[in-house]
């Protein structure tokens, strides 16, 4: 039976959790195909069909290579890893190490009860996941072997397109750092450098890190960055329009022209009035790609964790957290909080409608009327916030609580605000590309950068590499 077929059989029949004995480890030493002695060995690995039986055959020359191996595996599966417990012998040397899923453990209780909190709590990412890989040093072979492996996660793994966005996987290579620093010395701004690196990689989603990581790396390099603000507040309210004329009309939260002005500012960073048509199309396409990357980041934020529940209406709050995107949920959360301070003054039942008169606690002179048609599960409030923003107001939420409705009714949900709206599209990412050509280009660019970094250090290698490239180019 060939190796590919045995892989498929093991994937169907073998458990995803296993201990490996000392005899197992000794047997695997003879299999050179599973020896990992360098980073290059890890780079060439494919994990699409590996399960516990296959994973257990690998052995490593160093402990760091074992961790790098598990990091590569985690990235291919939609999670990331971190180092956990170590075990030392009487000489103080490590002989066993545990590597765990990044969602192992739970957040400490003190972070839930902090008073005078100035920022929104971070997303809940710890779920007590028990997936892990333990490695052990075997003196007879002088190598590190996998002692225990479990691939049982207690949460939904990320889509592989989001794996690279996990903090542990967002790292710049030495060649990228060198190229970035050289561009900075030439006066190119950091945002433009990121665009150029994205073009070389074949797209923003293939870079493997974001602008924030570049800024952090620049700070670590102790170099001076251009004296220009990185973050531009595009959504500053200027109250240019009369709000009264917008009530009841759906503008998705647009109240002023400042967002249009912000969009003009973003486009202006990429295109100029003196560009010819060809240049304009090229740079405008780069602008659109950057905006799509920002949307890609927002999609990632909506999938990487669970927001911390902060209101007393926990069932509705948890349902909203699962339903809405991260930004929309943060916008809706204060409505849930304010619903707790609402009172129902009066309920008027008619044949086809129930009218709720709602007011603030201690303010019976300020009232709103919520019409509830129970058969159709339709709600209408006199504040018209649902019609204007597409999100239930605190008055409607109060009626939901009063009726003990534990999920937001379909009539109050706009598909555009939900996490799954893109699942109905043929191309959820919005990108159109020849995947084969792009992947080849990306791989060649990465190899070329590594080759340039090595060859530039030695004159003989530089000349040999230059002549080789020129020969390939001319042929």
Protein backbone atom coordinates (compact mmCIF):
# COMPACT_ATOMS: atom_id res chain seq x y z
CA UNK A 1 0.00 0.00 0.00
CA UNK A 2 1.47 3.34 -0.94
CA UNK A 3 1.91 6.16 1.57
CA UNK A 4 -0.91 8.34 0.16
CA UNK A 5 -3.51 5.58 0.52
CA UNK A 6 -2.34 4.70 4.03
CA UNK A 7 -2.70 8.37 4.99
CA UNK A 8 -6.33 8.40 3.84
CA UNK A 9 -7.09 5.21 5.76
CA UNK A 10 -5.46 6.51 8.93
CA UNK A 11 -7.41 9.75 8.67
CA UNK A 12 -10.70 7.84 8.64
CA UNK A 13 -9.97 5.24 11.34
CA UNK A 14 -7.44 6.62 13.82
CA UNK A 15 -8.25 8.72 16.89
CA UNK A 16 -7.25 12.37 17.03
CA UNK A 17 -5.58 11.83 20.44
CA UNK A 18 -2.73 9.48 21.25
CA UNK A 19 0.22 8.73 23.54
CA UNK A 20 3.42 7.43 21.93
CA UNK A 21 5.56 4.92 23.78
CA UNK A 22 9.36 4.77 24.01
CA UNK A 23 9.35 1.80 21.60
CA UNK A 24 7.33 3.83 19.10
CA UNK A 25 9.93 6.57 19.29
CA UNK A 26 12.81 4.17 18.69
CA UNK A 27 11.09 2.70 15.62
CA UNK A 28 10.50 6.12 14.06
CA UNK A 29 14.17 7.08 14.28
CA UNK A 30 14.88 4.97 11.19
CA UNK A 31 12.37 6.92 9.09
CA UNK A 32 14.50 9.70 7.62
CA UNK A 33 11.47 11.12 5.80
CA UNK A 34 10.14 12.33 9.17
CA UNK A 35 13.39 13.90 10.40
CA UNK A 36 13.19 17.67 10.96
CA UNK A 37 16.63 19.25 11.16
CA UNK A 38 16.07 22.76 9.80
CA UNK A 39 13.47 25.43 9.15
CA UNK A 40 13.55 24.46 5.48
CA UNK A 41 12.33 20.98 6.40
CA UNK A 42 9.31 22.52 8.12
CA UNK A 43 8.58 24.89 5.23
CA UNK A 44 8.21 21.98 2.80
CA UNK A 45 5.74 20.03 4.99
CA UNK A 46 2.10 19.47 3.97
CA UNK A 47 -0.40 18.70 6.71
CA UNK A 48 -3.60 18.22 4.71
CA UNK A 49 -3.88 14.50 5.55
CA UNK A 50 -1.86 14.21 8.77
CA UNK A 51 -3.57 12.89 11.89
CA UNK A 52 -2.24 11.63 15.24
CA UNK A 53 -0.59 8.49 13.79
CA UNK A 54 1.25 10.44 11.10
CA UNK A 55 2.23 13.33 13.37
CA UNK A 56 3.79 10.95 15.91
CA UNK A 57 6.44 9.82 13.45
CA UNK A 58 8.23 13.18 13.28
CA UNK A 59 11.38 13.76 15.33
CA UNK A 60 13.43 16.93 15.76
CA UNK A 61 17.04 17.90 16.30
CA UNK A 62 16.14 20.81 18.62
CA UNK A 63 13.26 21.80 20.90
CA UNK A 64 12.74 25.04 18.97
CA UNK A 65 12.25 23.12 15.73
CA UNK A 66 9.58 21.04 17.45
CA UNK A 67 7.72 24.21 18.41
CA UNK A 68 8.15 25.67 14.91
CA UNK A 69 6.71 22.42 13.54
CA UNK A 70 3.60 22.69 15.75
CA UNK A 71 3.20 26.35 14.79
CA UNK A 72 3.25 25.39 11.11
CA UNK A 73 0.71 22.65 11.79
CA UNK A 74 -1.57 25.00 13.74
CA UNK A 75 -1.51 27.61 10.97
CA UNK A 76 -2.57 25.01 8.40
CA UNK A 77 -5.51 23.95 10.59
CA UNK A 78 -6.89 27.35 11.69
CA UNK A 79 -5.43 27.96 15.16
CA UNK A 80 -2.14 29.01 16.76
CA UNK A 81 0.02 27.57 19.52
CA UNK A 82 2.06 28.68 22.50
CA UNK A 83 4.58 27.10 24.83
CA UNK A 84 3.27 25.76 28.13
CA UNK A 85 4.74 23.59 30.92
CA UNK A 86 8.34 22.43 30.90
CA UNK A 87 9.82 19.48 32.82
CA UNK A 88 13.46 19.55 33.95
CA UNK A 89 15.83 16.90 35.26
CA UNK A 90 18.07 17.17 38.30
CA UNK A 91 20.65 19.07 36.24
CA UNK A 92 18.11 21.75 35.33
CA UNK A 93 17.90 20.66 31.70
CA UNK A 94 14.55 20.48 29.93
CA UNK A 95 13.63 16.94 28.92
CA UNK A 96 9.92 17.45 28.17
CA UNK A 97 7.86 20.39 26.86
CA UNK A 98 4.13 20.95 26.32
CA UNK A 99 2.83 23.02 23.41
CA UNK A 100 -0.84 24.00 23.69
CA UNK A 101 -3.59 25.60 21.62
CA UNK A 102 -3.76 29.39 21.94
CA UNK A 103 -7.25 29.00 23.45
CA UNK A 104 -6.08 26.75 26.28
CA UNK A 105 -7.06 27.88 29.79
CA UNK A 106 -9.47 30.61 30.83
CA UNK A 107 -9.28 34.35 31.45
CA UNK A 108 -8.59 35.29 35.08
CA UNK A 109 -11.66 36.33 37.06
CA UNK A 110 -10.20 39.73 37.99
CA UNK A 111 -10.46 40.89 34.37
CA UNK A 112 -14.25 40.46 34.47
CA UNK A 113 -14.74 42.53 37.62
CA UNK A 114 -12.48 45.51 36.89
CA UNK A 115 -13.98 48.79 38.08
CA UNK A 116 -13.69 52.07 36.20
CA UNK A 117 -12.88 50.27 32.98
CA UNK A 118 -11.69 52.78 30.35
CA UNK A 119 -11.70 50.47 27.33
CA UNK A 120 -13.99 47.80 26.00
CA UNK A 121 -12.91 44.38 27.30
CA UNK A 122 -10.98 42.29 24.84
CA UNK A 123 -12.72 39.50 22.97
CA UNK A 124 -13.15 36.26 24.90
CA UNK A 125 -10.65 33.92 23.23
CA UNK A 126 -9.83 31.40 25.98
CA UNK A 127 -12.15 28.39 25.93
CA UNK A 128 -10.21 25.82 27.94
CA UNK A 129 -9.21 23.95 24.77
CA UNK A 130 -7.20 20.80 25.54
CA UNK A 131 -5.58 20.26 22.14
CA UNK A 132 -1.82 20.04 22.57
CA UNK A 133 1.44 18.38 21.55
CA UNK A 134 4.04 17.15 24.07
CA UNK A 135 7.63 16.42 23.03
CA UNK A 136 10.24 14.47 24.95
CA UNK A 137 14.01 14.18 24.59
CA UNK A 138 15.20 10.60 23.95
CA UNK A 139 18.87 10.19 24.97
CA UNK A 140 19.35 7.05 22.84
CA UNK A 141 18.60 8.97 19.64
CA UNK A 142 19.69 12.40 20.83
CA UNK A 143 16.48 13.83 19.36
CA UNK A 144 13.12 15.21 20.44
CA UNK A 145 10.12 12.96 19.80
CA UNK A 146 6.38 13.57 20.07
CA UNK A 147 5.22 11.96 23.31
CA UNK A 148 1.53 12.96 23.22
CA UNK A 149 -0.69 14.54 20.58
CA UNK A 150 -4.34 15.65 20.75
CA UNK A 151 -6.18 17.46 17.98
CA UNK A 152 -9.52 17.70 19.82
CA UNK A 153 -10.58 21.39 19.91
CA UNK A 154 -13.67 22.57 21.79
CA UNK A 155 -14.41 25.44 19.39
CA UNK A 156 -14.76 26.02 15.66
CA UNK A 157 -11.35 26.45 14.04
CA UNK A 158 -10.79 29.50 11.88
CA UNK A 159 -11.05 29.35 8.14
CA UNK A 160 -7.52 28.93 6.79
CA UNK A 161 -7.73 32.37 5.11
CA UNK A 162 -7.81 33.90 8.62
CA UNK A 163 -5.04 31.76 10.15
CA UNK A 164 -2.29 34.18 9.16
CA UNK A 165 -4.08 36.98 11.05
CA UNK A 166 -3.62 35.31 14.45
CA UNK A 167 -0.98 37.27 16.43
CA UNK A 168 1.36 34.30 16.78
CA UNK A 169 1.47 33.85 13.00
CA UNK A 170 1.88 37.53 12.08
CA UNK A 171 5.64 37.80 11.69
CA UNK A 172 7.87 39.63 9.25
CA UNK A 173 10.73 37.71 7.64
CA UNK A 174 14.26 39.08 7.79
CA UNK A 175 14.17 39.77 4.05
CA UNK A 176 10.95 41.79 4.41
CA UNK A 177 12.44 43.76 7.29
CA UNK A 178 15.57 44.52 5.26
CA UNK A 179 13.51 45.62 2.26
CA UNK A 180 11.23 47.76 4.44
CA UNK A 181 14.10 49.56 6.14
CA UNK A 182 15.78 50.28 2.81
CA UNK A 183 12.53 51.79 1.48
CA UNK A 184 12.18 53.95 4.60
CA UNK A 185 15.65 55.35 4.03
CA UNK A 186 14.54 56.30 0.52
CA UNK A 187 11.65 58.38 1.89
CA UNK A 188 8.82 55.96 1.07
CA UNK A 189 6.02 56.08 3.64
CA UNK A 190 5.15 52.98 5.65
CA UNK A 191 1.66 52.65 4.18
CA UNK A 192 3.10 52.71 0.66
CA UNK A 193 5.73 50.14 1.64
CA UNK A 194 2.96 47.84 2.84
CA UNK A 195 1.20 48.25 -0.51
CA UNK A 196 4.39 47.40 -2.39
CA UNK A 197 5.06 44.32 -0.26
CA UNK A 198 1.46 43.26 -0.81
CA UNK A 199 1.93 43.60 -4.57
CA UNK A 200 5.04 41.42 -4.41
CA UNK A 201 3.22 38.77 -2.36
CA UNK A 202 0.29 38.67 -4.79
CA UNK A 203 -2.27 40.45 -2.62
CA UNK A 204 -2.80 41.93 0.85
CA UNK A 205 -4.18 38.66 2.22
CA UNK A 206 -0.93 36.85 1.31
CA UNK A 207 1.44 39.20 3.14
CA UNK A 208 1.09 37.39 6.48
CA UNK A 209 1.10 40.52 8.66
CA UNK A 210 -0.50 43.93 8.83
CA UNK A 211 0.54 47.59 8.97
CA UNK A 212 0.52 47.53 12.78
CA UNK A 213 3.12 44.76 12.76
CA UNK A 214 5.29 46.84 10.42
CA UNK A 215 5.12 49.83 12.76
CA UNK A 216 6.02 47.64 15.72
CA UNK A 217 8.97 46.21 13.83
CA UNK A 218 10.17 49.69 12.88
CA UNK A 219 10.03 50.67 16.55
CA UNK A 220 12.04 47.58 17.43
CA UNK A 221 14.63 48.52 14.83
CA UNK A 222 15.01 51.86 16.64
CA UNK A 223 14.61 53.79 13.44
CA UNK A 224 12.76 57.05 12.96
CA UNK A 225 9.47 56.70 11.11
CA UNK A 226 8.12 59.47 8.83
CA UNK A 227 6.51 62.29 10.78
CA UNK A 228 3.05 61.62 9.40
CA UNK A 229 0.00 60.27 11.27
CA UNK A 230 -0.75 56.65 10.48
CA UNK A 231 -4.35 56.62 11.54
CA UNK A 232 -6.63 59.23 10.00
CA UNK A 233 -10.03 59.72 11.60
CA UNK A 234 -12.31 59.54 8.55
CA UNK A 235 -15.56 59.47 10.46
CA UNK A 236 -15.44 62.64 12.55
CA UNK A 237 -18.95 64.02 12.94
CA UNK A 238 -19.47 67.59 11.73
CA UNK A 239 -23.25 67.76 12.08
CA UNK A 240 -23.65 69.29 8.62
CA UNK A 241 -27.11 67.85 8.01
CA UNK A 242 -30.36 68.41 9.87
CA UNK A 243 -31.02 65.10 11.62
CA UNK A 244 -34.79 65.69 11.70
CA UNK A 245 -35.02 65.15 7.94
CA UNK A 246 -33.21 61.80 8.15
CA UNK A 247 -35.35 60.10 10.79
CA UNK A 248 -37.12 57.04 9.43
CA UNK A 249 -34.96 56.89 6.29
CA UNK A 250 -32.31 54.19 6.09
CA UNK A 251 -28.83 55.72 5.72
CA UNK A 252 -26.88 52.93 7.52
CA UNK A 253 -25.70 55.42 10.14
CA UNK A 254 -24.58 58.13 7.69
CA UNK A 255 -25.51 61.50 9.18
CA UNK A 256 -22.96 63.86 7.63
CA UNK A 257 -20.78 64.17 4.53
CA UNK A 258 -17.64 63.47 6.59
CA UNK A 259 -17.57 59.82 5.48
CA UNK A 260 -17.55 60.87 1.84
CA UNK A 261 -14.74 63.30 2.62
CA UNK A 262 -12.88 60.52 4.40
CA UNK A 263 -13.26 58.28 1.35
CA UNK A 264 -11.92 61.06 -0.86
CA UNK A 265 -8.92 61.35 1.45
CA UNK A 266 -8.19 57.62 1.19
CA UNK A 267 -8.43 57.64 -2.61
CA UNK A 268 -6.29 60.78 -2.73
CA UNK A 269 -3.42 58.88 -1.11
CA UNK A 270 -3.24 56.60 -4.16
CA UNK A 271 -4.22 58.69 -7.19
CA UNK A 272 -3.31 62.17 -8.41
CA UNK A 273 -4.83 64.64 -10.84
CA UNK A 274 -1.87 64.35 -13.22
CA UNK A 275 -2.11 60.57 -13.68
CA UNK A 276 -2.95 59.31 -17.14
CA UNK A 277 -5.81 56.82 -17.51
CA UNK A 278 -3.58 53.74 -17.30
CA UNK A 279 -1.85 54.95 -14.15
CA UNK A 280 -5.15 55.98 -12.59
CA UNK A 281 -6.67 52.52 -13.08
CA UNK A 282 -3.55 50.83 -11.71
CA UNK A 283 -3.36 52.95 -8.55
CA UNK A 284 -7.11 52.98 -8.01
CA UNK A 285 -7.09 49.18 -8.12
CA UNK A 286 -4.42 49.22 -5.41
CA UNK A 287 -6.64 51.52 -3.34
CA UNK A 288 -9.60 49.16 -3.72
CA UNK A 289 -7.41 46.19 -2.76
CA UNK A 290 -6.34 48.02 0.41
CA UNK A 291 -9.95 48.78 1.33
CA UNK A 292 -10.86 45.13 0.78
CA UNK A 293 -7.98 44.16 3.06
CA UNK A 294 -9.47 46.38 5.78
CA UNK A 295 -12.76 44.55 5.28
CA UNK A 296 -10.85 41.25 5.45
CA UNK A 297 -9.44 42.38 8.81
CA UNK A 298 -12.94 43.25 10.04
CA UNK A 299 -14.19 39.79 9.01
CA UNK A 300 -11.33 38.24 10.95
CA UNK A 301 -12.18 40.27 14.07
CA UNK A 302 -15.72 38.93 13.86
CA UNK A 303 -14.54 35.30 13.88
CA UNK A 304 -11.51 35.15 16.17
CA UNK A 305 -13.29 35.28 19.54
CA UNK A 306 -16.41 35.98 21.57
CA UNK A 307 -17.12 39.42 23.10
CA UNK A 308 -17.40 39.62 26.88
CA UNK A 309 -21.03 39.83 28.00
CA UNK A 310 -21.64 43.07 29.96
CA UNK A 311 -25.39 43.48 30.36
CA UNK A 312 -28.06 41.80 32.46
CA UNK A 313 -29.91 40.67 29.29
CA UNK A 314 -27.36 37.94 28.65
CA UNK A 315 -29.44 35.65 26.40
CA UNK A 316 -30.23 38.42 23.91
CA UNK A 317 -26.69 39.78 24.23
CA UNK A 318 -25.11 36.39 23.51
CA UNK A 319 -27.44 35.84 20.54
CA UNK A 320 -26.51 39.27 19.16
CA UNK A 321 -22.79 38.47 19.58
CA UNK A 322 -23.21 35.31 17.49
CA UNK A 323 -25.39 37.05 14.90
CA UNK A 324 -23.82 40.47 14.27
CA UNK A 325 -20.35 41.38 13.08
CA UNK A 326 -18.00 42.59 15.80
CA UNK A 327 -18.41 46.29 15.01
CA UNK A 328 -22.20 46.13 14.78
CA UNK A 329 -22.39 44.19 18.04
CA UNK A 330 -20.36 46.88 19.82
CA UNK A 331 -22.77 49.46 18.37
CA UNK A 332 -25.80 47.46 19.55
CA UNK A 333 -24.48 46.61 23.04
CA UNK A 334 -25.25 50.06 24.58
CA UNK A 335 -28.89 49.67 23.47
CA UNK A 336 -29.06 46.49 25.52
CA UNK A 337 -27.60 48.34 28.51
CA UNK A 338 -30.06 51.23 28.20
CA UNK A 339 -32.99 48.79 27.92
CA UNK A 340 -32.39 47.93 31.56
CA UNK A 341 -33.32 51.49 32.58
CA UNK A 342 -36.60 51.47 30.62
CA UNK A 343 -40.10 51.09 32.11
CA UNK A 344 -43.32 49.91 30.50
CA UNK A 345 -45.97 52.49 31.49
CA UNK A 346 -48.93 50.97 29.71
CA UNK A 347 -49.92 48.07 27.44
CA UNK A 348 -52.88 48.47 25.08
CA UNK A 349 -54.16 45.29 23.38
CA UNK A 350 -56.09 45.52 20.11
CA UNK A 351 -57.18 42.87 17.62
CA UNK A 352 -53.98 42.77 15.57
CA UNK A 353 -51.49 44.88 17.52
CA UNK A 354 -50.13 45.40 21.04
CA UNK A 355 -49.07 48.97 21.88
CA UNK A 356 -46.38 49.43 24.52
CA UNK A 357 -45.83 52.86 26.09
CA UNK A 358 -42.18 52.93 27.22
CA UNK A 359 -40.29 55.59 29.19
CA UNK A 360 -36.98 56.04 30.98
CA UNK A 361 -36.84 55.16 34.64
CA UNK A 362 -37.79 58.27 36.63
CA UNK A 363 -38.75 60.21 33.47
CA UNK A 364 -42.43 59.41 32.72
CA UNK A 365 -42.72 62.62 30.69
CA UNK A 366 -40.52 61.17 27.90
CA UNK A 367 -42.34 58.30 26.25
CA UNK A 368 -42.10 56.16 23.12
CA UNK A 369 -44.71 53.87 21.58
CA UNK A 370 -43.77 50.41 20.33
CA UNK A 371 -46.29 48.60 18.09
CA UNK A 372 -45.95 44.82 18.21
CA UNK A 373 -47.76 42.63 15.68
CA UNK A 374 -47.39 39.21 17.26
CA UNK A 375 -48.43 37.05 14.31
CA UNK A 376 -45.87 38.58 11.93
CA UNK A 377 -43.35 39.34 14.74
CA UNK A 378 -43.10 42.92 13.46
CA UNK A 379 -42.00 45.80 15.73
CA UNK A 380 -42.25 49.55 15.08
CA UNK A 381 -41.10 52.27 17.47
CA UNK A 382 -41.82 55.99 17.28
CA UNK A 383 -38.10 56.75 17.65
CA UNK A 384 -37.63 55.24 14.14
CA UNK A 385 -34.12 54.10 15.01
CA UNK A 386 -34.70 50.66 13.52
CA UNK A 387 -35.80 52.25 10.25
CA UNK A 388 -32.84 54.67 10.26
CA UNK A 389 -29.98 52.42 11.38
CA UNK A 390 -31.28 48.88 10.92
CA UNK A 391 -30.65 47.98 14.58
CA UNK A 392 -33.32 47.49 17.29
CA UNK A 393 -33.57 50.42 19.71
CA UNK A 394 -33.65 50.08 23.51
CA UNK A 395 -37.44 50.53 23.49
CA UNK A 396 -37.95 47.50 21.22
CA UNK A 397 -35.43 45.55 23.30
CA UNK A 398 -37.49 46.35 26.40
CA UNK A 399 -40.56 44.82 24.70
CA UNK A 400 -38.53 41.73 23.74
CA UNK A 401 -37.56 41.30 27.39
CA UNK A 402 -41.13 41.87 28.54
CA UNK A 403 -42.37 39.16 26.15
CA UNK A 404 -39.51 36.84 27.20
CA UNK A 405 -38.27 36.64 23.59
CA UNK A 406 -34.74 35.25 23.79
CA UNK A 407 -33.62 35.71 20.19
CA UNK A 408 -33.74 38.79 17.98
CA UNK A 409 -36.67 38.23 15.56
CA UNK A 410 -35.88 37.94 11.87
CA UNK A 411 -37.85 41.12 11.12
CA UNK A 412 -35.33 43.10 13.20
CA UNK A 413 -32.23 41.70 11.51
CA UNK A 414 -30.63 43.27 8.44
CA UNK A 415 -28.52 40.72 6.55
CA UNK A 416 -25.88 43.35 5.84
CA UNK A 417 -24.99 43.55 9.56
CA UNK A 418 -24.57 39.79 10.09
CA UNK A 419 -21.47 37.62 10.01
CA UNK A 420 -22.88 35.17 7.47
CA UNK A 421 -24.02 37.65 4.84
CA UNK A 422 -21.07 36.76 2.58
CA UNK A 423 -21.85 33.06 2.67
CA UNK A 424 -24.57 33.66 0.09
CA UNK A 425 -22.11 35.19 -2.39
CA UNK A 426 -20.22 33.19 -4.97
CA UNK A 427 -16.98 34.94 -4.06
CA UNK A 428 -17.16 35.94 -0.34
CA UNK A 429 -13.73 37.57 -0.32
CA UNK A 430 -14.52 39.87 -3.23
CA UNK A 431 -11.23 38.98 -4.90
CA UNK A 432 -10.98 37.64 -8.45
CA UNK A 433 -7.71 36.01 -9.37
CA UNK A 434 -6.03 33.12 -11.12
CA UNK A 435 -5.12 31.17 -7.98
CA UNK A 436 -2.46 29.02 -9.64
CA UNK A 437 -0.58 31.96 -11.19
CA UNK A 438 -0.83 34.01 -8.00
CA UNK A 439 0.51 31.19 -5.83
CA UNK A 440 3.41 30.59 -8.22
CA UNK A 441 4.23 34.30 -8.29
CA UNK A 442 4.10 34.53 -4.50
CA UNK A 443 6.41 31.52 -4.08
CA UNK A 444 8.93 32.85 -6.63
CA UNK A 445 8.95 36.29 -4.99
CA UNK A 446 9.62 34.75 -1.57
CA UNK A 447 12.46 32.59 -2.92
CA UNK A 448 13.91 35.61 -4.76
CA UNK A 449 13.94 37.72 -1.60
CA UNK A 450 15.74 35.00 0.34
CA UNK A 451 18.22 34.50 -2.48
CA UNK A 452 18.93 38.24 -2.68
CA UNK A 453 19.58 38.47 1.07
CA UNK A 454 22.15 35.63 0.91
CA UNK A 455 23.81 36.43 -2.41
CA UNK A 456 24.33 40.14 -1.68
CA UNK A 457 26.71 39.36 1.18
CA UNK A 458 29.38 37.63 -0.92
CA UNK A 459 30.71 39.23 -4.16
CA UNK A 460 31.23 35.87 -5.90
CA UNK A 461 27.70 34.70 -5.07
CA UNK A 462 26.27 38.04 -6.17
CA UNK A 463 27.93 37.82 -9.61
CA UNK A 464 26.97 34.15 -10.03
CA UNK A 465 23.35 34.85 -9.05
CA UNK A 466 23.15 37.93 -11.29
CA UNK A 467 24.47 36.04 -14.31
CA UNK A 468 22.08 33.14 -13.66
CA UNK A 469 19.05 35.43 -13.43
CA UNK A 470 20.06 37.39 -16.52
CA UNK A 471 20.50 34.12 -18.39
CA UNK A 472 17.01 32.96 -17.43
CA UNK A 473 15.55 36.34 -18.31
CA UNK A 474 17.21 36.51 -21.73
CA UNK A 475 16.14 32.97 -22.64
